[in-house]
PDB file of N, CA and C in Angstrom:
ATOM      1  N   MET A   1     187.144  18.261   3.627  1.00  0.00           N
ATOM      2  CA  MET A   1     186.542  19.484   4.588  1.00  0.00           C
ATOM      3  C   MET A   1     187.470  20.527   5.850  1.00  0.00           C
ATOM      4  N   HIS A   2     187.392  21.353   5.366  1.00  0.00           N
ATOM      5  CA  HIS A   2     188.072  22.515   6.583  1.00  0.00           C
ATOM      6  C   HIS A   2     187.361  21.785   8.249  1.00  0.00           C
ATOM      7  N   LYS A   3     188.535  22.157   9.174  1.00  0.00           N
ATOM      8  CA  LYS A   3     188.183  22.052  10.087  1.00  0.00           C
ATOM      9  C   LYS A   3     186.928  23.172  10.699  1.00  0.00           C
ATOM     10  N   ILE A   4     185.903  23.090  11.633  1.00  0.00           N
ATOM     11  CA  ILE A   4     185.150  23.951  11.699  1.00  0.00           C
ATOM     12  C   ILE A   4     185.634  24.877  13.102  1.00  0.00           C
ATOM     13  N   GLN A   5     185.652  26.129  13.304  1.00  0.00           N
ATOM     14  CA  GLN A   5     185.883  26.869  14.111  1.00  0.00           C
ATOM     15  C   GLN A   5     185.023  27.074  14.968  1.00  0.00           C
ATOM     16  N   PHE A   6     184.551  26.671  16.249  1.00  0.00           N
ATOM     17  CA  PHE A   6     183.348  26.919  16.641  1.00  0.00           C
ATOM     18  C   PHE A   6     182.873  28.442  16.687  1.00  0.00           C
ATOM     19  N   ASP A   7     183.611  29.327  17.307  1.00  0.00           N
ATOM     20  CA  ASP A   7     183.902  30.492  17.402  1.00  0.00           C
ATOM     21  C   ASP A   7     183.134  31.738  16.119  1.00  0.00           C
ATOM     22  N   GLN A   8     183.615  31.065  15.149  1.00  0.00           N
ATOM     23  CA  GLN A   8     183.382  31.618  13.916  1.00  0.00           C
ATOM     24  C   GLN A   8     181.815  30.919  13.103  1.00  0.00           C
ATOM     25  N   ASP A   9     182.230  29.454  13.057  1.00  0.00           N
ATOM     26  CA  ASP A   9     181.554  28.934  12.114  1.00  0.00           C
ATOM     27  C   ASP A   9     179.573  28.535  12.865  1.00  0.00           C
ATOM     28  N   ILE A  10     179.467  28.691  13.311  1.00  0.00           N
ATOM     29  CA  ILE A  10     178.035  28.568  14.071  1.00  0.00           C
ATOM     30  C   ILE A  10     177.444  30.066  14.241  1.00  0.00           C
ATOM     31  N   GLN A  11     176.494  30.067  13.702  1.00  0.00           N
ATOM     32  CA  GLN A  11     175.510  31.710  13.875  1.00  0.00           C
ATOM     33  C   GLN A  11     174.355  31.194  13.750  1.00  0.00           C
ATOM     34  N   PRO A  12     173.400  31.808  14.382  1.00  0.00           N
ATOM     35  CA  PRO A  12     171.862  32.140  14.495  1.00  0.00           C
ATOM     36  C   PRO A  12     171.247  32.617  13.699  1.00  0.00           C
ATOM     37  N   LEU A  13     170.662  31.982  12.614  1.00  0.00           N
ATOM     38  CA  LEU A  13     169.466  32.327  11.501  1.00  0.00           C
ATOM     39  C   LEU A  13     169.574  34.288  11.612  1.00  0.00           C
ATOM     40  N   SER A  14     168.853  34.725  12.861  1.00  0.00           N
ATOM     41  CA  SER A  14     169.194  35.875  12.997  1.00  0.00           C
ATOM     42  C   SER A  14     170.038  36.929  12.351  1.00  0.00           C
ATOM     43  N   LYS A  15     171.160  36.541  13.360  1.00  0.00           N
ATOM     44  CA  LYS A  15     172.544  36.866  12.536  1.00  0.00           C
ATOM     45  C   LYS A  15     172.795  36.652  11.126  1.00  0.00           C
ATOM     46  N   PHE A  16     172.179  35.250  10.864  1.00  0.00           N
ATOM     47  CA  PHE A  16     173.072  35.029   9.555  1.00  0.00           C
ATOM     48  C   PHE A  16     171.614  36.115   8.571  1.00  0.00           C
ATOM     49  N   ARG A  17     170.714  35.659   8.843  1.00  0.00           N
ATOM     50  CA  ARG A  17     169.538  36.963   8.020  1.00  0.00           C
ATOM     51  C   ARG A  17     170.292  38.159   7.348  1.00  0.00           C
ATOM     52  N   SER A  18     170.995  38.493   8.397  1.00  0.00           N
ATOM     53  CA  SER A  18     171.544  40.001   8.665  1.00  0.00           C
ATOM     54  C   SER A  18     172.476  40.266   7.770  1.00  0.00           C
ATOM     55  N   LYS A  19     173.224  39.203   7.428  1.00  0.00           N
ATOM     56  CA  LYS A  19     174.626  39.236   6.999  1.00  0.00           C
ATOM     57  C   LYS A  19     175.115  38.595   5.930  1.00  0.00           C
ATOM     58  N   VAL A  20     173.884  37.924   5.131  1.00  0.00           N
ATOM     59  CA  VAL A  20     174.625  36.956   4.659  1.00  0.00           C
ATOM     60  C   VAL A  20     175.491  37.335   3.308  1.00  0.00           C
ATOM     61  N   ALA A  21     175.267  37.913   2.869  1.00  0.00           N
ATOM     62  CA  ALA A  21     176.539  38.510   1.890  1.00  0.00           C
ATOM     63  C   ALA A  21     177.932  38.086   2.574  1.00  0.00           C
ATOM     64  N   PHE A  22     178.151  38.779   3.854  1.00  0.00           N
ATOM     65  CA  PHE A  22     179.162  38.060   4.535  1.00  0.00           C
ATOM     66  C   PHE A  22     179.519  36.490   4.995  1.00  0.00           C
ATOM     67  N   TYR A  23     178.395  36.030   5.728  1.00  0.00           N
ATOM     68  CA  TYR A  23     178.686  34.559   5.445  1.00  0.00           C
ATOM     69  C   TYR A  23     178.958  34.102   4.115  1.00  0.00           C
ATOM     70  N   PHE A  24     178.399  34.391   2.967  1.00  0.00           N
ATOM     71  CA  PHE A  24     178.396  33.520   1.721  1.00  0.00           C
ATOM     72  C   PHE A  24     180.128  34.017   1.604  1.00  0.00           C
ATOM     73  N   GLU A  25     180.338  34.795   1.724  1.00  0.00           N
ATOM     74  CA  GLU A  25     181.719  34.920   1.673  1.00  0.00           C
ATOM     75  C   GLU A  25     183.323  34.038   2.351  1.00  0.00           C
ATOM     76  N   GLN A  26     182.498  34.478   3.234  1.00  0.00           N
ATOM     77  CA  GLN A  26     183.249  33.278   4.532  1.00  0.00           C
ATOM     78  C   GLN A  26     183.370  32.236   3.931  1.00  0.00           C
ATOM     79  N   VAL A  27     182.248  31.864   3.641  1.00  0.00           N
ATOM     80  CA  VAL A  27     182.182  30.185   3.147  1.00  0.00           C
ATOM     81  C   VAL A  27     183.365  29.958   2.128  1.00  0.00           C
ATOM     82  N   ARG A  28     183.311  30.954   1.286  1.00  0.00           N
ATOM     83  CA  ARG A  28     183.962  31.206   0.120  1.00  0.00           C
ATOM     84  C   ARG A  28     185.204  31.043  -0.092  1.00  0.00           C
ATOM     85  N   LYS A  29     185.622  31.661   1.097  1.00  0.00           N
ATOM     86  CA  LYS A  29     186.845  31.980   1.346  1.00  0.00           C
ATOM     87  C   LYS A  29     187.589  31.332   2.497  1.00  0.00           C
ATOM     88  N   THR A  30     186.990  30.715   3.128  1.00  0.00           N
ATOM     89  CA  THR A  30     187.626  29.686   4.408  1.00  0.00           C
ATOM     90  C   THR A  30     187.526  27.914   3.782  1.00  0.00           C
ATOM     91  N   LYS A  31     186.463  28.155   3.286  1.00  0.00           N
ATOM     92  CA  LYS A  31     185.862  26.637   2.358  1.00  0.00           C
ATOM     93  C   LYS A  31     185.649  25.514   3.970  1.00  0.00           C
ATOM     94  N   ARG A  32     185.007  26.178   4.511  1.00  0.00           N
ATOM     95  CA  ARG A  32     184.402  25.955   6.018  1.00  0.00           C
ATOM     96  C   ARG A  32     183.073  25.758   6.402  1.00  0.00           C
ATOM     97  N   PRO A  33     182.568  25.270   6.600  1.00  0.00           N
ATOM     98  CA  PRO A  33     181.006  25.152   6.685  1.00  0.00           C
ATOM     99  C   PRO A  33     180.601  25.907   7.423  1.00  0.00           C
ATOM    100  N   LEU A  34     179.742  26.358   7.358  1.00  0.00           N
ATOM    101  CA  LEU A  34     178.952  27.451   8.782  1.00  0.00           C
ATOM    102  C   LEU A  34     177.404  26.910   9.020  1.00  0.00           C
ATOM    103  N   ILE A  35     177.528  26.669  10.572  1.00  0.00           N
ATOM    104  CA  ILE A  35     176.150  26.223  11.011  1.00  0.00           C
ATOM    105  C   ILE A  35     175.263  27.061  11.308  1.00  0.00           C
ATOM    106  N   ILE A  36     174.341  27.215  10.825  1.00  0.00           N
ATOM    107  CA  ILE A  36     173.535  27.835  11.253  1.00  0.00           C
ATOM    108  C   ILE A  36     171.850  27.284  12.513  1.00  0.00           C
ATOM    109  N   THR A  37     172.233  28.243  13.507  1.00  0.00           N
ATOM    110  CA  THR A  37     171.295  27.800  14.363  1.00  0.00           C
ATOM    111  C   THR A  37     169.916  28.490  14.329  1.00  0.00           C
ATOM    112  N   GLN A  38     168.928  27.506  14.960  1.00  0.00           N
ATOM    113  CA  GLN A  38     167.605  28.137  15.145  1.00  0.00           C
ATOM    114  C   GLN A  38     166.719  28.109  16.802  1.00  0.00           C
ATOM    115  N   ASN A  39     166.634  28.456  16.707  1.00  0.00           N
ATOM    116  CA  ASN A  39     165.895  28.355  18.466  1.00  0.00           C
ATOM    117  C   ASN A  39     167.334  27.606  19.056  1.00  0.00           C
ATOM    118  N   GLY A  40     168.253  28.051  19.270  1.00  0.00           N
ATOM    119  CA  GLY A  40     169.426  27.648  19.973  1.00  0.00           C
ATOM    120  C   GLY A  40     169.968  26.210  19.671  1.00  0.00           C
ATOM    121  N   LYS A  41     169.187  25.447  18.032  1.00  0.00           N
ATOM    122  CA  LYS A  41     170.111  24.104  18.530  1.00  0.00           C
ATOM    123  C   LYS A  41     170.338  24.305  16.374  1.00  0.00           C
ATOM    124  N   SER A  42     171.102  23.024  15.767  1.00  0.00           N
ATOM    125  CA  SER A  42     171.712  23.408  15.004  1.00  0.00           C
ATOM    126  C   SER A  42     170.588  22.988  13.750  1.00  0.00           C
ATOM    127  N   SER A  43     170.654  23.951  12.769  1.00  0.00           N
ATOM    128  CA  SER A  43     168.968  23.412  11.699  1.00  0.00           C
ATOM    129  C   SER A  43     169.651  23.406  10.414  1.00  0.00           C
ATOM    130  N   ALA A  44     170.627  23.990   9.590  1.00  0.00           N
ATOM    131  CA  ALA A  44     170.953  24.206   8.296  1.00  0.00           C
ATOM    132  C   ALA A  44     172.627  24.367   8.416  1.00  0.00           C
ATOM    133  N   ILE A  45     172.994  23.799   7.240  1.00  0.00           N
ATOM    134  CA  ILE A  45     175.126  24.145   7.126  1.00  0.00           C
ATOM    135  C   ILE A  45     174.531  24.668   5.575  1.00  0.00           C
ATOM    136  N   LEU A  46     175.417  25.530   5.620  1.00  0.00           N
ATOM    137  CA  LEU A  46     176.110  26.685   4.603  1.00  0.00           C
ATOM    138  C   LEU A  46     177.451  25.951   3.611  1.00  0.00           C
ATOM    139  N   LEU A  47     177.283  25.318   2.825  1.00  0.00           N
ATOM    140  CA  LEU A  47     178.899  24.797   2.031  1.00  0.00           C
ATOM    141  C   LEU A  47     179.424  25.488   0.987  1.00  0.00           C
ATOM    142  N   ASP A  48     180.451  25.905   0.833  1.00  0.00           N
ATOM    143  CA  ASP A  48     180.964  26.077  -0.614  1.00  0.00           C
ATOM    144  C   ASP A  48     180.715  25.117  -1.220  1.00  0.00           C
ATOM    145  N   VAL A  49     180.277  25.291  -2.850  1.00  0.00           N
ATOM    146  CA  VAL A  49     180.185  24.362  -4.143  1.00  0.00           C
ATOM    147  C   VAL A  49     181.488  23.318  -4.155  1.00  0.00           C
ATOM    148  N   SER A  50     182.302  24.183  -4.129  1.00  0.00           N
ATOM    149  CA  SER A  50     183.477  23.024  -4.212  1.00  0.00           C
ATOM    150  C   SER A  50     184.277  21.790  -3.484  1.00  0.00           C
ATOM    151  N   GLU A  51     183.448  22.396  -1.826  1.00  0.00           N
ATOM    152  CA  GLU A  51     183.673  21.615  -0.889  1.00  0.00           C
ATOM    153  C   GLU A  51     182.653  20.409  -1.197  1.00  0.00           C
ATOM    154  N   TYR A  52     181.562  20.773  -1.304  1.00  0.00           N
ATOM    155  CA  TYR A  52     180.033  19.983  -1.388  1.00  0.00           C
ATOM    156  C   TYR A  52     180.607  19.232  -2.697  1.00  0.00           C
ATOM    157  N   GLN A  53     181.072  19.387  -3.930  1.00  0.00           N
ATOM    158  CA  GLN A  53     181.268  18.683  -4.822  1.00  0.00           C
ATOM    159  C   GLN A  53     182.212  17.704  -4.493  1.00  0.00           C
ATOM    160  N   GLN A  54     183.524  18.227  -3.195  1.00  0.00           N
ATOM    161  CA  GLN A  54     184.491  16.830  -3.451  1.00  0.00           C
ATOM    162  C   GLN A  54     183.716  15.737  -1.986  1.00  0.00           C
ATOM    163  N   MET A  55     182.837  16.237  -1.404  1.00  0.00           N
ATOM    164  CA  MET A  55     182.709  15.259  -0.337  1.00  0.00           C
ATOM    165  C   MET A  55     181.722  14.284  -1.423  1.00  0.00           C
ATOM    166  N   ILE A  56     180.940  14.944  -2.339  1.00  0.00           N
ATOM    167  CA  ILE A  56     179.946  13.858  -3.036  1.00  0.00           C
ATOM    168  C   ILE A  56     181.076  12.653  -4.032  1.00  0.00           C
ATOM    169  N   ASP A  57     181.980  13.214  -4.210  1.00  0.00           N
ATOM    170  CA  ASP A  57     183.262  12.966  -4.903  1.00  0.00           C
ATOM    171  C   ASP A  57     183.444  11.623  -3.891  1.00  0.00           C
ATOM    172  N   LYS A  58     183.705  11.810  -2.799  1.00  0.00           N
ATOM    173  CA  LYS A  58     184.562  11.272  -2.254  1.00  0.00           C
ATOM    174  C   LYS A  58     183.754  10.038  -1.822  1.00  0.00           C
ATOM    175  N   LEU A  59     182.143  10.251  -1.927  1.00  0.00           N
ATOM    176  CA  LEU A  59     181.123   9.310  -0.993  1.00  0.00           C
ATOM    177  C   LEU A  59     180.948   8.440  -2.176  1.00  0.00           C
ATOM    178  N   GLU A  60     181.262   8.911  -3.579  1.00  0.00           N
ATOM    179  CA  GLU A  60     180.736   7.537  -4.531  1.00  0.00           C
ATOM    180  C   GLU A  60     182.559   6.725  -4.713  1.00  0.00           C
ATOM    181  N   VAL A  61     183.133   7.141  -4.646  1.00  0.00           N
ATOM    182  CA  VAL A  61     184.694   6.029  -4.509  1.00  0.00           C
ATOM    183  C   VAL A  61     184.244   5.214  -2.989  1.00  0.00           C
ATOM    184  N   LEU A  62     183.904   5.667  -1.791  1.00  0.00           N
ATOM    185  CA  LEU A  62     182.931   4.986  -1.333  1.00  0.00           C
ATOM    186  C   LEU A  62     182.554   3.593  -1.285  1.00  0.00           C
ATOM    187  N   GLU A  63     181.503   4.395  -1.804  1.00  0.00           N
ATOM    188  CA  GLU A  63     179.929   3.675  -2.494  1.00  0.00           C
ATOM    189  C   GLU A  63     180.534   2.474  -3.103  1.00  0.00           C
ATOM    190  N   ASP A  64     181.253   2.776  -3.955  1.00  0.00           N
ATOM    191  CA  ASP A  64     182.058   1.637  -5.408  1.00  0.00           C
ATOM    192  C   ASP A  64     183.106   0.769  -4.746  1.00  0.00           C
ATOM    193  N   VAL A  65     183.698   1.253  -3.646  1.00  0.00           N
ATOM    194  CA  VAL A  65     184.434   0.093  -2.547  1.00  0.00           C
ATOM    195  C   VAL A  65     183.886  -0.874  -2.017  1.00  0.00           C
ATOM    196  N   LYS A  66     182.799  -0.220  -1.481  1.00  0.00           N
ATOM    197  CA  LYS A  66     181.510  -0.877  -0.623  1.00  0.00           C
ATOM    198  C   LYS A  66     181.274  -2.116  -1.838  1.00  0.00           C
ATOM    199  N   LEU A  67     180.704  -2.051  -2.947  1.00  0.00           N
ATOM    200  CA  LEU A  67     180.318  -2.032  -3.598  1.00  0.00           C
ATOM    201  C   LEU A  67     181.074  -3.847  -4.254  1.00  0.00           C
ATOM    202  N   ALA A  68     182.826  -3.159  -4.508  1.00  0.00           N
ATOM    203  CA  ALA A  68     183.562  -4.381  -4.738  1.00  0.00           C
ATOM    204  C   ALA A  68     183.881  -4.880  -4.008  1.00  0.00           C
ATOM    205  N   GLU A  69     183.897  -4.942  -2.675  1.00  0.00           N
ATOM    206  CA  GLU A  69     184.193  -5.786  -1.366  1.00  0.00           C
ATOM    207  C   GLU A  69     183.183  -6.965  -1.293  1.00  0.00           C
ATOM    208  N   SER A  70     181.368  -6.177  -1.923  1.00  0.00           N
ATOM    209  CA  SER A  70     180.504  -7.105  -1.849  1.00  0.00           C
ATOM    210  C   SER A  70     180.664  -8.128  -3.082  1.00  0.00           C
ATOM    211  N   GLN A  71     180.881  -7.370  -4.097  1.00  0.00           N
ATOM    212  CA  GLN A  71     181.649  -8.484  -5.373  1.00  0.00           C
ATOM    213  C   GLN A  71     182.540  -9.357  -4.586  1.00  0.00           C
ATOM    214  N   ILE A  72     183.190  -9.013  -4.229  1.00  0.00           N
ATOM    215  CA  ILE A  72     184.588 -10.492  -3.911  1.00  0.00           C
ATOM    216  C   ILE A  72     184.231 -10.863  -3.141  1.00  0.00           C
ATOM    217  N   GLY A  73     183.376 -10.720  -1.745  1.00  0.00           N
ATOM    218  CA  GLY A  73     182.309 -11.719  -1.267  1.00  0.00           C
ATOM    219  C   GLY A  73     181.892 -12.774  -1.964  1.00  0.00           C
ATOM    220  N   LYS A  74     181.097 -12.576  -3.132  1.00  0.00           N
ATOM    221  CA  LYS A  74     179.791 -12.954  -3.658  1.00  0.00           C
ATOM    222  C   LYS A  74     181.041 -13.732  -4.799  1.00  0.00           C
ATOM    223  N   GLU A  75     182.209 -13.494  -5.291  1.00  0.00           N
ATOM    224  CA  GLU A  75     182.601 -14.067  -5.894  1.00  0.00           C
ATOM    225  C   GLU A  75     182.216 -13.491  -7.709  1.00  0.00           C
ATOM    226  N   THR A  76     181.781 -12.211  -7.257  1.00  0.00           N
ATOM    227  CA  THR A  76     181.027 -12.081  -8.684  1.00  0.00           C
ATOM    228  C   THR A  76     182.324 -11.284  -9.547  1.00  0.00           C
ATOM    229  N   VAL A  77     182.487 -11.840 -10.803  1.00  0.00           N
ATOM    230  CA  VAL A  77     183.693 -11.328 -11.584  1.00  0.00           C
ATOM    231  C   VAL A  77     183.065 -10.344 -12.378  1.00  0.00           C
ATOM    232  N   ILE A  78     184.094  -9.431 -12.630  1.00  0.00           N
ATOM    233  CA  ILE A  78     183.913  -8.907 -14.220  1.00  0.00           C
ATOM    234  C   ILE A  78     185.159  -8.639 -15.134  1.00  0.00           C
ATOM    235  N   PRO A  79     184.714  -8.761 -16.265  1.00  0.00           N
ATOM    236  CA  PRO A  79     186.202  -8.844 -17.259  1.00  0.00           C
ATOM    237  C   PRO A  79     186.751  -7.767 -17.654  1.00  0.00           C
ATOM    238  N   HIS A  80     187.914  -7.742 -17.124  1.00  0.00           N
ATOM    239  CA  HIS A  80     189.090  -6.347 -17.289  1.00  0.00           C
ATOM    240  C   HIS A  80     188.220  -5.454 -18.350  1.00  0.00           C
ATOM    241  N   LYS A  81     188.423  -5.711 -19.305  1.00  0.00           N
ATOM    242  CA  LYS A  81     188.090  -4.789 -20.747  1.00  0.00           C
ATOM    243  C   LYS A  81     186.356  -4.351 -19.887  1.00  0.00           C
ATOM    244  N   ASP A  82     185.671  -4.510 -19.106  1.00  0.00           N
ATOM    245  CA  ASP A  82     184.567  -4.051 -19.022  1.00  0.00           C
ATOM    246  C   ASP A  82     184.771  -3.126 -17.812  1.00  0.00           C
ATOM    247  N   VAL A  83     185.697  -3.427 -17.173  1.00  0.00           N
ATOM    248  CA  VAL A  83     185.821  -2.708 -15.800  1.00  0.00           C
ATOM    249  C   VAL A  83     186.779  -1.603 -16.350  1.00  0.00           C
ATOM    250  N   LYS A  84     187.306  -1.242 -17.754  1.00  0.00           N
ATOM    251  CA  LYS A  84     187.589  -0.423 -18.426  1.00  0.00           C
ATOM    252  C   LYS A  84     186.953   0.570 -18.597  1.00  0.00           C
ATOM    253  N   LYS A  85     186.502  -0.033 -19.408  1.00  0.00           N
ATOM    254  CA  LYS A  85     184.758   0.867 -19.901  1.00  0.00           C
ATOM    255  C   LYS A  85     183.885   1.694 -19.226  1.00  0.00           C
ATOM    256  N   GLN A  86     184.190   0.954 -18.200  1.00  0.00           N
ATOM    257  CA  GLN A  86     183.199   1.924 -17.022  1.00  0.00           C
ATOM    258  C   GLN A  86     184.331   2.585 -16.290  1.00  0.00           C
ATOM    259  N   PHE A  87     184.960   2.702 -16.009  1.00  0.00           N
ATOM    260  CA  PHE A  87     186.148   4.088 -15.879  1.00  0.00           C
ATOM    261  C   PHE A  87     186.214   5.257 -16.626  1.00  0.00           C
ATOM    262  N   ALA A  88     186.306   4.957 -17.879  1.00  0.00           N
ATOM    263  CA  ALA A  88     186.379   5.369 -18.907  1.00  0.00           C
ATOM    264  C   ALA A  88     185.206   6.395 -19.427  1.00  0.00           C
ATOM    265  N   LYS A  89     184.210   5.730 -18.554  1.00  0.00           N
ATOM    266  CA  LYS A  89     182.986   6.520 -18.660  1.00  0.00           C
ATOM    267  C   LYS A  89     182.893   7.509 -17.759  1.00  0.00           C
ATOM    268  N   ARG A  90     183.272   7.179 -16.536  1.00  0.00           N
ATOM    269  CA  ARG A  90     183.433   8.248 -15.288  1.00  0.00           C
ATOM    270  C   ARG A  90     184.279   9.423 -15.697  1.00  0.00           C
ATOM    271  N   LEU A  91     185.356   8.797 -16.255  1.00  0.00           N
ATOM    272  CA  LEU A  91     186.185   9.971 -16.208  1.00  0.00           C
ATOM    273  C   LEU A  91     185.649  10.954 -17.724  1.00  0.00           C
TER     274      LEU A  91
END
C-alpha cells in the first residue's frame, strides 16, 4: 500500500459527499487510501480494489506462515505430495 499523504488523504465526510467521484478517481489513480473523518475523528477508509486484494493476499500468506510455525512447533508433519496438492488448489 502506498504511503498516506496527510494533506490529501484525510477528508471530512461532508467534503467527501460533495466530491465522491473525485475521491474515487483519486484513490484509483494514486492507490493511496482515503481516510474519511466524521466529527473530527477517523470513521472510514476508502481503498482501491487492487490494493485491498493485495492486502488480503498478504494476510493469507502471513496466516499460512503462522500455521506452519505452529505445526513445526508441534512437530506436525504433512507429506510432500499433500502439500503440493494444497498449493496446486490455491494457484
